[in-house]
Protein backbone atom coordinates (compact mmCIF):
# COMPACT_ATOMS: atom_id res chain seq x y z
CA MET A 1 -109.96 -202.23 -49.22
CA LEU A 2 -108.55 -200.46 -46.07
CA LEU A 3 -107.29 -197.34 -48.25
CA PHE A 4 -110.29 -197.18 -50.09
CA VAL A 5 -111.94 -196.98 -46.99
CA LEU A 6 -109.80 -194.17 -45.83
CA THR A 7 -109.55 -192.37 -48.75
CA LEU A 8 -113.68 -192.41 -48.75
CA ILE A 9 -113.76 -191.41 -45.02
CA SER A 10 -111.13 -188.44 -46.03
CA THR A 11 -112.82 -187.04 -48.86
CA THR A 12 -115.89 -187.23 -47.19
CA TRP A 13 -114.36 -184.96 -44.44
CA VAL A 14 -113.31 -182.76 -47.13
CA GLY A 15 -116.74 -182.46 -48.40
CA ALA A 16 -118.63 -181.85 -45.15
CA GLU A 17 -115.89 -179.11 -44.71
CA SER A 18 -116.18 -177.26 -47.94
CA LEU A 19 -119.86 -176.73 -46.77
CA GLY A 20 -118.72 -175.06 -44.02
CA ALA A 21 -119.15 -177.78 -41.15
CA ASN A 22 -115.91 -177.53 -38.90
CA ILE A 23 -116.40 -181.78 -37.63
CA ILE A 24 -114.23 -180.95 -34.87
CA ASP A 25 -116.07 -177.95 -33.60
CA VAL A 26 -119.24 -179.46 -34.31
CA ALA A 27 -118.20 -182.82 -31.91
CA THR A 28 -117.23 -180.62 -29.57
CA ASN A 29 -120.09 -178.13 -29.25
CA ASP A 30 -122.93 -180.48 -30.49
CA GLY A 31 -122.00 -183.70 -29.47
CA LEU A 32 -120.73 -186.91 -31.79
CA ALA A 33 -124.06 -187.04 -33.19
CA SER A 34 -124.43 -183.83 -34.57
CA ALA A 35 -120.86 -184.25 -36.34
CA LEU A 36 -121.62 -187.43 -37.73
CA THR A 37 -124.78 -185.93 -39.59
CA ALA A 38 -122.23 -183.08 -40.49
CA PHE A 39 -119.73 -185.26 -41.77
CA LEU A 40 -122.27 -187.29 -43.70
CA HIS A 41 -123.13 -184.46 -45.92
CA GLY A 42 -119.78 -184.51 -47.65
CA TRP A 43 -120.92 -187.64 -49.53
CA GLU A 44 -122.04 -185.08 -51.99
CA PHE A 45 -118.14 -184.16 -52.62
CA SER A 46 -117.07 -187.73 -51.88
CA ILE A 47 -119.15 -190.11 -53.63
CA PRO A 48 -118.92 -187.83 -57.46
CA LEU A 49 -114.78 -187.89 -56.82
CA MET A 50 -114.59 -191.34 -55.68
CA THR A 51 -116.77 -192.48 -58.30
CA ILE A 52 -114.87 -190.86 -61.07
CA LEU A 53 -111.16 -192.24 -59.37
CA LEU A 54 -112.24 -195.62 -58.81
CA ALA A 55 -113.56 -196.03 -62.89
CA HIS A 56 -110.33 -194.21 -63.49
CA GLU A 57 -108.04 -196.71 -62.11
CA LEU A 58 -110.24 -199.91 -63.07
CA GLY A 59 -110.15 -198.74 -66.28
CA HIS A 60 -106.63 -199.05 -66.25
CA TYR A 61 -106.24 -202.09 -64.27
CA ILE A 62 -109.38 -204.29 -66.25
CA ALA A 63 -107.17 -203.38 -69.60
CA GLY A 64 -104.11 -204.70 -68.30
CA ARG A 65 -106.01 -207.74 -67.07
CA ILE A 66 -107.45 -208.39 -70.66
CA HIS A 67 -103.76 -208.03 -72.06
CA GLY A 68 -102.35 -210.50 -69.75
CA VAL A 69 -100.16 -207.86 -67.73
CA ASP A 70 -98.88 -208.57 -63.96
CA ILE A 71 -101.20 -205.29 -62.38
CA SER A 72 -102.38 -204.95 -58.91
CA PRO A 73 -105.89 -203.38 -58.14
CA PRO A 74 -105.44 -199.83 -57.23
CA TYR A 75 -103.99 -198.45 -54.15
CA PHE A 76 -105.98 -195.02 -53.32
CA ILE A 77 -104.13 -192.24 -51.22
CA PRO A 78 -106.23 -190.64 -48.30
CA MET A 79 -104.86 -187.25 -48.06
CA PRO A 80 -107.52 -185.32 -45.40
CA LEU A 81 -105.73 -182.34 -45.50
CA SER A 82 -105.64 -181.31 -48.73
CA MET A 83 -108.06 -179.43 -51.26
CA LEU A 84 -109.28 -182.90 -52.53
CA GLY A 85 -108.85 -185.20 -49.71
CA THR A 86 -106.73 -187.77 -51.42
CA MET A 87 -103.72 -187.89 -53.79
CA GLY A 88 -105.81 -190.45 -56.20
CA ALA A 89 -104.18 -193.55 -56.37
CA VAL A 90 -101.60 -195.88 -57.68
CA ILE A 91 -101.17 -199.56 -59.93
CA GLY A 92 -98.40 -201.60 -59.34
CA MET A 93 -97.14 -203.28 -62.39
CA GLY A 94 -94.60 -206.53 -62.11
CA ASP A 95 -93.34 -206.29 -65.93
CA ARG A 96 -92.40 -204.00 -68.49
CA ILE A 97 -95.24 -203.84 -71.11
CA GLU A 98 -93.64 -204.84 -74.81
CA LYS A 99 -96.48 -204.76 -76.52
CA ARG A 100 -97.66 -201.45 -78.15
CA ASN A 101 -101.09 -202.13 -78.47
CA ALA A 102 -101.10 -203.39 -74.75
CA LEU A 103 -99.31 -200.16 -73.39
CA LEU A 104 -101.87 -197.82 -75.60
CA ASP A 105 -105.00 -199.58 -74.05
CA ILE A 106 -104.26 -199.90 -70.98
CA GLY A 107 -102.80 -196.17 -70.76
CA ALA A 108 -105.94 -194.67 -72.33
CA ALA A 109 -108.47 -197.21 -70.64
CA GLY A 110 -108.01 -194.70 -67.23
CA PRO A 111 -109.06 -191.51 -68.72
CA LEU A 112 -111.51 -192.91 -70.79
CA ALA A 113 -113.66 -194.87 -68.42
CA GLY A 114 -113.01 -191.44 -65.87
CA LEU A 115 -114.86 -189.45 -68.33
CA VAL A 116 -117.91 -191.86 -68.77
CA PHE A 117 -118.60 -190.42 -65.32
CA ALA A 118 -116.72 -187.56 -65.11
CA LEU A 119 -118.53 -185.54 -67.95
CA PRO A 120 -122.11 -186.34 -67.01
CA LEU A 121 -121.64 -185.79 -63.42
CA PHE A 122 -120.50 -182.15 -64.43
CA ILE A 123 -123.28 -181.45 -66.81
CA PHE A 124 -125.72 -182.49 -63.51
CA GLY A 125 -123.37 -179.98 -61.02
CA ILE A 126 -123.66 -177.43 -63.54
CA VAL A 127 -127.14 -177.76 -63.65
CA GLN A 128 -127.91 -177.72 -59.79
CA SER A 129 -125.08 -175.33 -59.24
CA PRO A 130 -126.72 -171.61 -58.71
CA ILE A 131 -126.01 -168.13 -60.32
CA GLN A 132 -125.40 -165.84 -57.60
CA PRO A 133 -124.02 -161.94 -57.38
CA ILE A 134 -120.33 -161.94 -56.39
CA GLN A 135 -119.74 -160.56 -52.86
CA SER A 136 -117.31 -157.60 -52.75
CA GLY A 137 -114.49 -158.92 -49.91
CA GLY A 138 -115.89 -162.46 -49.93
CA GLY A 139 -113.00 -165.40 -49.76
CA TYR A 140 -113.67 -167.44 -53.01
CA LEU A 141 -112.27 -170.35 -54.53
CA LEU A 142 -111.84 -169.28 -58.44
CA GLU A 143 -111.95 -172.73 -60.72
CA GLY A 144 -110.09 -172.58 -63.64
CA HIS A 145 -112.30 -172.64 -66.82
CA SER A 146 -111.57 -174.70 -69.88
CA ILE A 147 -113.18 -174.80 -73.43
CA LEU A 148 -115.50 -177.71 -72.56
CA TYR A 149 -116.15 -175.34 -69.01
CA GLU A 150 -117.16 -172.88 -71.24
CA ILE A 151 -119.25 -174.45 -73.76
CA LEU A 152 -121.18 -176.34 -70.93
CA LEU A 153 -121.69 -173.33 -69.09
CA TYR A 154 -123.12 -170.94 -72.25
CA ALA A 155 -125.25 -173.91 -73.22
CA LEU A 156 -126.39 -174.86 -69.98
CA LYS A 157 -126.71 -171.58 -67.88
CA ALA A 158 -126.47 -168.83 -70.87
CA PRO A 159 -124.19 -166.12 -70.66
CA ILE A 160 -123.66 -165.17 -66.93
CA PRO A 161 -124.85 -161.03 -66.40
CA ALA A 162 -121.98 -159.02 -65.08
CA GLY A 163 -121.60 -158.96 -61.41
CA MET A 164 -122.36 -162.47 -61.30
CA ASP A 165 -120.77 -165.91 -61.49
CA ILE A 166 -121.86 -169.60 -60.75
CA PHE A 167 -121.03 -170.96 -57.56
CA LEU A 168 -120.43 -174.97 -58.15
CA THR A 169 -122.27 -177.36 -55.90
CA PRO A 170 -119.88 -180.14 -54.14
CA THR A 171 -120.65 -182.13 -56.97
CA ALA A 172 -119.98 -180.67 -59.98
CA PHE A 173 -116.76 -179.49 -58.18
CA ALA A 174 -116.15 -182.94 -57.67
CA ALA A 175 -116.69 -183.67 -61.53
CA TRP A 176 -114.66 -180.47 -61.98
CA ALA A 177 -111.51 -181.95 -59.87
CA GLY A 178 -111.68 -184.96 -61.73
CA LEU A 179 -111.69 -183.09 -65.24
CA LEU A 180 -108.55 -181.52 -64.36
CA VAL A 181 -106.59 -184.30 -62.97
CA THR A 182 -107.56 -186.56 -65.91
CA MET A 183 -106.16 -183.33 -68.18
CA ILE A 184 -103.34 -183.43 -66.24
CA ASN A 185 -102.63 -186.88 -66.50
CA LEU A 186 -102.47 -186.85 -70.22
CA ILE A 187 -99.50 -184.47 -70.64
CA PRO A 188 -97.65 -186.46 -72.80
CA VAL A 189 -94.66 -186.81 -70.16
CA GLY A 190 -93.10 -189.38 -68.34
CA GLN A 191 -95.05 -192.27 -66.47
CA LEU A 192 -98.01 -190.14 -66.74
CA ASP A 193 -101.11 -191.81 -68.85
CA GLY A 194 -100.06 -189.38 -71.75
CA GLY A 195 -96.99 -190.44 -71.69
CA HIS A 196 -97.78 -194.35 -72.25
CA ILE A 197 -99.75 -193.29 -74.82
CA ALA A 198 -97.61 -191.35 -76.88
CA TYR A 199 -94.77 -193.89 -76.26
CA ALA A 200 -97.51 -196.35 -77.49
CA LEU A 201 -97.91 -194.05 -80.57
CA PHE A 202 -94.61 -192.70 -81.14
CA GLY A 203 -91.74 -195.25 -79.59
CA PRO A 204 -88.60 -194.49 -78.57
CA ALA A 205 -88.77 -190.94 -79.74
CA GLN A 206 -91.47 -190.06 -77.43
CA ASN A 207 -88.39 -189.88 -75.20
CA ARG A 208 -87.30 -186.67 -76.81
CA TYR A 209 -91.03 -185.01 -77.51
CA GLY A 210 -91.31 -185.61 -73.81
CA ARG A 211 -88.11 -183.57 -72.96
CA VAL A 212 -89.27 -181.03 -75.54
CA VAL A 213 -92.96 -181.00 -73.73
CA ARG A 214 -91.36 -181.18 -70.23
CA ASN A 215 -89.46 -177.64 -70.48
CA LEU A 216 -92.30 -175.96 -72.08
CA LEU A 217 -94.41 -176.72 -69.40
CA PRO A 218 -92.79 -174.11 -67.20
CA VAL A 219 -92.98 -171.55 -70.10
CA ILE A 220 -96.87 -172.03 -70.58
CA ALA A 221 -97.39 -171.91 -66.12
CA ILE A 222 -95.41 -168.41 -66.19
CA SER A 223 -97.07 -167.17 -69.26
CA THR A 224 -100.67 -167.94 -68.22
CA SER A 225 -100.24 -166.60 -64.16
CA ALA A 226 -98.82 -163.57 -66.01
CA TRP A 227 -101.61 -163.17 -68.37
CA PHE A 228 -104.31 -163.52 -65.37
CA ALA A 229 -102.25 -161.30 -63.11
CA LEU A 230 -102.09 -158.82 -66.14
CA ALA A 231 -105.99 -159.31 -66.44
CA ALA A 232 -106.52 -158.53 -62.85
CA TRP A 233 -104.57 -155.30 -62.75
CA ARG A 234 -106.23 -154.09 -65.61
CA ALA A 235 -109.98 -154.62 -63.79
CA GLY A 236 -108.72 -153.42 -60.85
CA SER A 237 -107.21 -150.04 -62.44
CA GLY A 238 -109.88 -149.60 -64.20
């Protein structure tokens, strides 16, 4: 419970900072009451993010208990100096999961439970997010667009005119981050949820498949970075 509360405070702090409130400066210049007010505005980011993370971890935990696995409650990791304010959470298991059905259910329950909250929050956040002109020289955080993101953006905001972009609200960004973490967690490698799911499906052969995926990841990362760098260079030279 203490780690959960600390992580909630950490993510709320980061959410307030993302809205332009430097809590320490506000406390120094305007007093603790103003700092607390500025801090509490960060709930628009922290509550959606923590809801997604908690649902994800409880999905694992409840599935584990249903299958009689010795599984711990989630332990959240606060990280106030990071972009999200947390490094997620971990769950401990005392025994190796022998039944493939149990491994599949436990591995898949977390991402599915998180998506139940992440998708509606992301849709709500996109609807609330404004379309504004892109200011030259401004410092922006450009979020990645998945196929799902592009579909939702087109359906909810129609084509965005040239020179403009969507500026995500804290709630939308929290849901986007939840979807990103879920995607990364589903990579079929090692101890990630995707690795557990793949092992439940393919058995020991997953060790070989996982090595192939792991070796491909740097190639994909370099190729993607080069693609975007080339696109940016072409846009600049044009």
